[in-house]
Protein backbone atom coordinates (compact mmCIF):
# COMPACT_ATOMS: atom_id res chain seq x y z
CA MET A 1 57.83 -15.08 5.36
CA LYS A 2 55.36 -17.93 5.07
CA LYS A 3 52.99 -16.27 7.51
CA LEU A 4 53.12 -12.98 5.59
CA ASN A 5 52.24 -14.72 2.32
CA GLN A 6 49.28 -16.42 3.96
CA ILE A 7 47.89 -13.14 5.25
CA THR A 8 48.34 -11.49 1.86
CA PHE A 9 46.57 -14.37 0.14
CA ILE A 10 43.56 -14.14 2.44
CA SER A 11 43.22 -10.37 2.06
CA VAL A 12 43.04 -10.64 -1.73
CA PHE A 13 39.81 -12.65 -1.48
CA ILE A 14 38.04 -10.67 1.21
CA ILE A 15 37.30 -7.70 -1.06
CA PRO A 16 35.47 -9.52 -3.88
CA LEU A 17 33.45 -11.60 -1.43
CA PHE A 18 32.34 -8.46 0.40
CA SER A 19 31.47 -6.85 -2.92
CA ILE A 20 29.33 -9.84 -3.89
CA GLN A 21 27.44 -9.57 -0.58
CA LEU A 22 26.64 -5.90 -1.14
CA THR A 23 25.35 -6.61 -4.65
CA ALA A 24 23.10 -9.37 -3.40
CA GLN A 25 21.53 -7.03 -0.83
CA SER A 26 20.80 -4.18 -3.24
CA ILE A 27 17.16 -3.37 -3.99
CA SER A 28 15.50 -0.99 -6.42
CA ARG A 29 12.79 1.60 -5.85
CA LYS A 30 9.66 1.98 -7.97
CA GLU A 31 8.95 5.65 -8.53
CA ILE A 32 5.24 6.48 -8.58
CA LYS A 33 4.75 9.20 -11.18
CA ILE A 34 1.99 11.59 -10.12
CA PRO A 35 2.42 15.29 -10.98
CA ASP A 36 3.04 18.04 -8.45
CA ILE A 37 0.13 20.49 -8.47
CA LEU A 38 -0.78 24.02 -7.44
CA GLY A 39 2.76 24.79 -6.34
CA PHE A 40 2.85 21.86 -3.90
CA LYS A 41 4.84 18.63 -3.89
CA THR A 42 2.73 15.47 -4.24
CA LEU A 43 3.88 13.15 -1.46
CA LYS A 44 2.86 9.49 -1.31
CA CYS A 45 1.99 8.54 2.28
CA ASP A 46 0.60 5.63 4.30
CA PHE A 47 -0.64 6.72 7.73
CA HIS A 48 -1.74 3.31 9.04
CA THR A 49 0.80 0.47 9.41
CA HIS A 50 1.49 -2.18 12.04
CA THR A 51 4.55 -4.04 13.26
CA ILE A 52 5.27 -6.94 15.58
CA PHE A 53 4.99 -4.45 18.45
CA SER A 54 1.21 -4.91 18.17
CA ASP A 55 -0.48 -7.42 15.84
CA GLY A 56 1.72 -6.96 12.76
CA ASP A 57 3.98 -9.67 11.39
CA VAL A 58 7.17 -7.69 10.65
CA TRP A 59 9.93 -5.81 12.45
CA PRO A 60 9.71 -1.99 12.11
CA THR A 61 12.72 -1.80 9.77
CA ILE A 62 10.81 -3.86 7.20
CA ARG A 63 8.08 -1.22 7.06
CA VAL A 64 10.71 1.37 6.11
CA SER A 65 12.31 -0.86 3.47
CA GLU A 66 8.91 -1.65 1.93
CA ALA A 67 7.94 2.02 1.81
CA TRP A 68 11.18 2.97 0.06
CA LYS A 69 10.96 0.12 -2.43
CA GLU A 70 7.31 0.90 -3.26
CA GLY A 71 7.89 4.60 -3.96
CA LEU A 72 6.43 6.17 -0.82
CA ASP A 73 7.65 9.35 0.84
CA ALA A 74 6.25 8.88 4.35
CA ILE A 75 4.69 6.29 6.64
CA ALA A 76 3.23 6.35 10.12
CA ILE A 77 3.87 3.52 12.57
CA THR A 78 0.51 3.10 14.33
CA ASP A 79 0.66 0.03 16.53
CA HIS A 80 -2.34 -0.72 18.71
CA LEU A 81 -2.47 0.74 22.20
CA GLU A 82 -4.78 -1.90 23.70
CA TYR A 83 -4.07 -4.94 21.52
CA ARG A 84 -0.54 -6.38 21.70
CA PRO A 85 -0.57 -10.17 21.11
CA HIS A 86 3.26 -10.32 21.16
CA GLN A 87 3.63 -8.47 24.46
CA GLY A 88 5.04 -11.59 26.15
CA ASP A 89 8.06 -11.40 23.87
CA LEU A 90 8.63 -7.63 23.79
CA VAL A 91 9.30 -4.91 26.32
CA LYS A 92 6.25 -2.74 26.93
CA ASN A 93 7.22 0.57 25.33
CA PHE A 94 4.69 2.09 22.95
CA ASN A 95 7.37 4.33 21.44
CA ARG A 96 9.78 1.53 20.56
CA SER A 97 8.50 0.52 17.10
CA TYR A 98 8.69 4.15 15.99
CA GLU A 99 12.17 4.59 17.44
CA ILE A 100 13.49 1.56 15.55
CA ALA A 101 11.87 2.62 12.26
CA LYS A 102 12.94 6.25 12.67
CA GLU A 103 16.60 5.36 13.16
CA TYR A 104 16.58 2.96 10.21
CA SER A 105 14.84 5.48 7.93
CA LYS A 106 17.89 7.77 7.92
CA ASP A 107 19.47 5.64 5.20
CA PHE A 108 16.35 5.73 3.00
CA GLY A 109 15.00 9.27 3.13
CA ILE A 110 11.61 8.00 4.29
CA ILE A 111 9.72 10.20 6.75
CA VAL A 112 8.52 8.14 9.71
CA ILE A 113 5.68 9.66 11.74
CA LYS A 114 5.07 8.62 15.33
CA GLY A 115 1.54 7.38 15.90
CA ILE A 116 -0.62 5.01 17.90
CA GLU A 117 -3.96 3.32 17.25
CA ILE A 118 -6.61 3.47 19.94
CA THR A 119 -8.60 0.27 19.58
CA GLN A 120 -12.14 0.32 20.97
CA ALA A 121 -15.30 -1.49 19.93
CA MET A 122 -17.84 0.49 17.89
CA PRO A 123 -18.87 2.93 19.20
CA PRO A 124 -16.54 4.84 19.45
CA GLY A 125 -14.26 2.82 17.12
CA HIS A 126 -10.56 2.88 16.17
CA PHE A 127 -8.53 6.09 15.96
CA ASN A 128 -5.00 6.84 14.82
CA LEU A 129 -3.23 9.63 16.65
CA LEU A 130 -0.47 10.95 14.37
CA PHE A 131 2.50 13.23 15.22
CA ILE A 132 2.37 12.42 18.94
CA LYS A 133 5.40 12.91 21.18
CA ASP A 134 5.11 10.13 23.78
CA ALA A 135 2.78 7.18 23.17
CA ASN A 136 3.33 5.84 26.69
CA LEU A 137 1.35 8.76 28.13
CA LEU A 138 -1.71 7.50 26.20
CA ASP A 139 -1.68 4.12 27.96
CA THR A 140 -5.20 4.09 29.35
CA LEU A 141 -8.40 2.22 28.55
CA ASP A 142 -10.30 5.52 28.69
CA TYR A 143 -10.38 6.47 25.00
CA ASN A 144 -11.47 10.02 25.77
CA ALA A 145 -8.53 10.57 28.09
CA ALA A 146 -6.11 9.03 25.56
CA ILE A 147 -7.40 11.16 22.69
CA LYS A 148 -7.29 14.32 24.79
CA GLU A 149 -3.70 13.56 25.79
CA GLY A 150 -2.86 12.98 22.13
CA LYS A 151 -4.37 16.31 21.14
CA LYS A 152 -2.42 17.96 23.96
CA GLN A 153 0.71 16.55 22.30
CA GLY A 154 -0.35 18.05 18.96
CA ALA A 155 -1.89 14.94 17.40
CA PHE A 156 -3.78 14.81 14.13
CA ILE A 157 -6.70 12.48 14.93
CA GLN A 158 -7.91 10.08 12.23
CA TRP A 159 -10.99 7.89 12.58
CA ASN A 160 -10.05 4.53 11.07
CA HIS A 161 -12.20 2.23 8.90
CA PRO A 162 -15.55 3.40 10.39
CA PHE A 163 -17.54 0.65 8.64
CA TRP A 164 -15.26 -2.24 9.62
CA LYS A 165 -17.35 -5.19 10.84
CA ASN A 166 -20.49 -3.43 9.54
CA PRO A 167 -21.69 -1.45 12.58
CA VAL A 168 -25.34 -0.39 12.56
CA PHE A 169 -25.16 3.39 12.48
CA PRO A 170 -28.20 5.56 13.25
CA ARG A 171 -30.03 6.96 10.23
CA VAL A 172 -31.57 10.39 9.73
CA ASN A 173 -33.81 10.80 6.67
CA SER A 174 -32.33 7.55 5.28
CA LYS A 175 -28.75 8.93 5.64
CA VAL A 176 -26.17 7.10 7.73
CA GLU A 177 -25.09 9.33 10.63
CA TRP A 178 -22.80 9.17 13.66
CA PHE A 179 -23.15 7.77 17.14
CA LYS A 180 -23.04 10.30 19.97
CA GLN A 181 -19.41 9.36 20.73
CA GLN A 182 -18.17 10.57 17.32
CA LYS A 183 -20.34 13.68 17.56
CA GLU A 184 -18.80 14.55 20.92
CA LEU A 185 -15.26 14.07 19.63
CA TYR A 186 -15.99 16.27 16.62
CA GLU A 187 -17.68 18.99 18.65
CA ASN A 188 -14.75 19.04 21.08
CA GLY A 189 -12.19 19.45 18.29
CA LEU A 190 -10.90 15.89 18.72
CA LEU A 191 -11.50 14.61 15.18
CA ASP A 192 -9.48 15.86 12.21
CA GLY A 193 -9.97 13.29 9.45
CA ILE A 194 -11.53 10.00 8.43
CA GLU A 195 -10.05 7.01 6.66
CA ILE A 196 -12.45 6.74 3.72
CA VAL A 197 -10.49 3.85 2.19
CA ASN A 198 -8.93 1.11 4.30
CA GLU A 199 -6.94 -1.55 2.47
CA ARG A 200 -9.29 -2.11 -0.51
CA ASP A 201 -12.55 -1.02 1.17
CA TYR A 202 -14.05 2.33 0.11
CA TYR A 203 -16.70 3.96 2.33
CA PRO A 204 -18.79 6.49 0.35
CA ASP A 205 -20.64 7.62 3.47
CA ALA A 206 -17.34 8.41 5.18
CA PHE A 207 -16.39 10.52 2.14
CA ARG A 208 -19.72 12.35 2.48
CA TRP A 209 -19.12 12.97 6.18
CA CYS A 210 -15.74 14.54 5.41
CA LYS A 211 -17.24 16.87 2.82
CA GLU A 212 -20.14 17.87 5.07
CA LYS A 213 -18.01 18.46 8.17
CA ASN A 214 -14.84 19.78 6.49
CA LEU A 215 -12.65 16.88 7.63
CA THR A 216 -9.55 15.55 5.89
CA ILE A 217 -9.91 12.43 3.74
CA LEU A 218 -7.33 9.67 4.08
CA GLY A 219 -6.70 6.25 2.57
CA ASN A 220 -4.23 3.79 4.05
CA SER A 221 -3.06 0.19 3.80
CA ASP A 222 -3.56 -0.80 7.47
CA ILE A 223 -0.91 -3.36 6.59
CA HIS A 224 -0.13 -6.17 9.05
CA LEU A 225 1.49 -8.75 6.75
CA PRO A 226 4.53 -8.04 4.61
CA THR A 227 3.17 -5.88 1.78
CA GLY A 228 4.31 -8.42 -0.82
CA TYR A 229 1.87 -10.95 0.68
CA PHE A 230 -1.06 -8.57 0.22
CA TYR A 231 -0.26 -6.79 -3.08
CA ASP A 232 0.96 -8.34 -6.34
CA PHE A 233 3.68 -5.93 -7.40
CA SER A 234 4.44 -8.02 -10.50
CA LYS A 235 1.04 -6.82 -11.79
CA ASP A 236 1.76 -3.19 -10.92
CA GLN A 237 -0.48 -3.23 -7.88
CA HIS A 238 0.22 -0.66 -5.19
CA ARG A 239 -0.83 -0.21 -1.61
CA THR A 240 -3.67 2.16 -0.75
CA MET A 241 -2.17 5.55 0.11
CA THR A 242 -2.91 9.20 0.80
CA LEU A 243 -1.53 11.78 -1.63
CA VAL A 244 -0.51 14.83 0.38
CA PHE A 245 0.07 18.18 -1.32
CA ALA A 246 2.77 19.68 0.86
CA GLU A 247 5.02 22.72 0.62
CA ASN A 248 8.05 20.48 0.92
CA LYS A 249 9.07 16.97 1.90
CA SER A 250 9.11 17.22 5.68
CA GLU A 251 7.08 15.99 8.62
CA GLU A 252 6.05 19.54 9.47
CA ALA A 253 4.82 20.20 5.92
CA ILE A 254 2.83 16.95 5.88
CA LYS A 255 1.09 17.85 9.12
CA GLU A 256 0.27 21.33 7.81
CA ALA A 257 -1.18 19.86 4.60
CA LEU A 258 -3.30 17.34 6.53
CA THR A 259 -4.66 20.10 8.74
CA ALA A 260 -5.44 22.18 5.61
CA HIS A 261 -7.26 19.19 3.98
CA ARG A 262 -4.87 19.02 0.98
CA THR A 263 -5.20 15.28 0.34
CA VAL A 264 -6.41 12.79 -2.26
CA VAL A 265 -6.88 9.05 -1.74
CA PHE A 266 -5.21 6.69 -4.23
CA PHE A 267 -6.36 3.06 -4.20
CA SER A 268 -6.35 0.49 -6.98
CA ASP A 269 -6.68 2.63 -10.15
CA THR A 270 -8.92 5.20 -8.46
CA LEU A 271 -8.39 8.69 -7.08
CA ILE A 272 -10.86 10.21 -4.62
CA GLY A 273 -10.83 13.87 -3.65
CA SER A 274 -11.99 17.37 -4.40
CA ASP A 275 -12.68 18.52 -7.95
CA ARG A 276 -9.92 21.10 -7.59
CA PHE A 277 -7.16 18.58 -6.89
CA LEU A 278 -8.32 15.85 -9.27
CA ARG A 279 -8.73 18.27 -12.18
CA GLU A 280 -5.19 19.55 -11.66
CA ILE A 281 -3.77 16.03 -11.50
CA PHE A 282 -5.56 14.99 -14.68
CA ASN A 283 -4.66 18.12 -16.64
CA LYS A 284 -1.00 17.89 -15.64
CA SER A 285 -0.91 14.17 -16.50
CA ILE A 286 -2.25 14.54 -20.05
CA THR A 287 -0.62 15.85 -23.22
CA ILE A 288 -2.59 16.20 -26.48
CA ASN A 289 0.06 15.65 -29.10
CA GLU A 290 -1.65 17.51 -31.93
CA ALA A 291 -3.28 20.83 -31.10
CA LYS A 292 -4.29 21.47 -34.71
CA LEU A 293 -5.35 18.82 -37.21
CA GLU A 294 -5.80 19.25 -40.94
CA LYS A 295 -7.97 16.50 -42.39
CA GLU A 296 -9.91 15.73 -45.53
CA LYS A 297 -13.63 16.25 -45.06
CA GLY A 298 -15.80 13.26 -44.23
CA LYS A 299 -12.89 11.11 -43.03
CA LEU A 300 -12.40 9.49 -39.64
CA PHE A 301 -9.29 10.81 -37.94
CA TYR A 302 -7.59 10.54 -34.57
CA ILE A 303 -5.96 12.73 -31.99
CA MET A 304 -3.17 11.25 -29.88
CA ILE A 305 -3.36 11.65 -26.09
CA THR A 306 -0.36 10.83 -23.92
CA ASN A 307 -0.78 9.95 -20.26
CA ASN A 308 2.47 10.83 -18.52
CA SER A 309 1.43 9.57 -15.07
CA ASP A 310 1.18 6.20 -13.33
CA ILE A 311 -2.59 6.57 -13.05
CA PRO A 312 -4.61 4.96 -15.86
CA TYR A 313 -7.63 7.06 -16.79
CA SER A 314 -10.97 5.69 -17.95
CA LEU A 315 -13.15 8.25 -19.79
CA ILE A 316 -16.77 8.07 -20.88
CA ALA A 317 -18.57 10.64 -23.04
CA ASN A 318 -20.65 13.15 -21.08
CA GLY A 319 -22.47 14.83 -23.98
CA ILE A 320 -22.53 15.15 -27.77
CA ASP A 321 -21.34 17.58 -30.43
CA LYS A 322 -23.73 18.77 -33.14
CA ASP A 323 -21.12 18.51 -35.93
CA PHE A 324 -18.83 15.64 -34.92
CA GLU A 325 -18.98 12.10 -33.59
CA PHE A 326 -16.22 11.07 -31.17
CA SER A 327 -15.17 8.05 -29.13
CA THR A 328 -17.59 7.46 -26.28
CA ASP A 329 -15.16 5.34 -24.25
CA VAL A 330 -11.49 6.21 -24.02
CA TYR A 331 -8.89 4.37 -21.95
CA LEU A 332 -5.60 6.12 -21.27
CA PRO A 333 -3.12 3.58 -19.85
CA ALA A 334 -0.40 4.74 -17.49
CA ARG A 335 2.69 6.17 -19.25
CA SER A 336 1.21 5.44 -22.67
CA THR A 337 -0.36 7.10 -25.69
CA ALA A 338 -3.91 6.35 -26.85
CA ARG A 339 -6.02 7.40 -29.87
CA LEU A 340 -9.32 9.24 -29.71
CA GLY A 341 -11.42 8.91 -32.86
CA ILE A 342 -13.32 11.87 -34.38
CA LYS A 343 -15.52 12.03 -37.49
CA PRO A 344 -17.67 14.80 -39.02
CA LYS A 345 -21.39 14.04 -39.10
CA LYS A 346 -21.69 15.68 -42.52
CA ASP A 347 -19.42 15.19 -45.52
CA ASP A 348 -19.67 18.84 -46.55
CA PHE A 349 -18.30 20.27 -43.27
CA VAL A 350 -15.28 22.51 -43.94
CA GLY A 351 -13.36 25.20 -42.09
CA MET A 352 -11.78 25.75 -38.71
CA ARG A 353 -13.27 24.52 -35.46
CA ASN A 354 -12.12 24.43 -31.86
CA LEU A 355 -13.72 21.16 -30.81
CA ILE A 356 -14.67 20.75 -27.13
CA LEU A 357 -15.26 17.10 -26.20
CA PRO A 358 -17.10 16.53 -22.87
CA TYR A 359 -16.12 13.51 -20.78
CA LYS A 360 -16.31 12.05 -17.30
CA VAL A 361 -13.20 10.43 -15.87
CA LYS A 362 -14.80 7.38 -14.28
CA ASN A 363 -11.98 6.56 -11.89
CA LEU A 364 -11.61 10.11 -10.51
CA ILE A 365 -14.26 10.42 -7.77
CA THR A 366 -15.21 13.94 -6.68
CA GLU A 367 -18.41 13.08 -4.77
CA PRO A 368 -19.51 9.79 -3.17
CA PHE A 369 -21.16 8.69 -6.44
CA GLU A 370 -19.94 11.27 -8.95
CA SER A 371 -16.92 11.35 -11.27
CA LEU A 372 -14.83 14.27 -12.49
CA LYS A 373 -16.33 16.14 -15.43
CA MET A 374 -13.80 17.56 -17.86
CA GLU A 375 -13.34 18.59 -21.48
CA ILE A 376 -10.77 17.80 -24.14
CA SER A 377 -10.10 20.71 -26.45
CA VAL A 378 -8.55 20.32 -29.91
CA GLY A 379 -8.33 22.64 -32.91
CA ILE A 380 -9.20 21.09 -36.27
CA GLU A 381 -9.34 22.30 -39.87
CA MET A 382 -11.39 20.42 -42.45
CA LYS A 383 -10.49 21.04 -46.11
């Protein structure tokens, strides 16, 4: 009887202690609000990450946990093929970091893509091979042979941070151009995209190359440290990522979208991509709260603009109106409402008018040195 009471007493306390442990381990996810566009889902992806299986500082499961917590949909594990400073402590298996992350991701709903980074001096440079099947078959110091094997396995081939360590590229008519190694890869169908933003470094020439040669643009974190050491999430910072416009949330749909060039780069507060995608994102982010305004003539008045996304927009006037003055600089904070001031130039102006206000969105980059041009339309009636 005494023994039975002791067992019962212990069991009463096991449940609350276990419950406390679960609560302590719970984490929350930050949802990144960017609208779906053109019938596609907007997926937040990072195609360049490292673990302790090359020169990263974290176990593969941490990369999955970070991605989930930071609001991502997919990551690629892309440990170095040639550079493995921890190889004395780990079994040589280039698939292992992916396998660990893939198994762990089942509890998070994060897509983990198998990849590898080929690490050569410039030229030819560093390349991520994404969607490969067996990284061990790429284990050769011959970059051409490794890339060809990757393509045989169905790889999407991304040229990483082409301007890292400031290589001296050839120039043609003052334009920065490629070495023969990159030209040969491209001509042989062994180059699919370029990382135009790596960590916080933006390469305008790489963006130009993608536009000229119809290559996919990508932006990635290339994270080695824990992400919390590199980004200050208390200040709403986020890692550099690639927005992928996919038919659904699946690895197959992501690969199809990358091949079809349906991507935008999101770093800091800036989006980089085609006019088509950026215009759709902006228009679906913004709500003008008053489509028709009735105001007394000669008076300054305001329209209210709500930004429903997590992207702050910075606008600057890109023209004038013959009848009205309007705010030349407008800042639309994320998930906030801002005022845009308008005033008639003449006190005797009366009647209806559909006012078209021309702006540039400074932080939406459609060309290497050009921002998105757009218009704000509002109906007004002056009495």
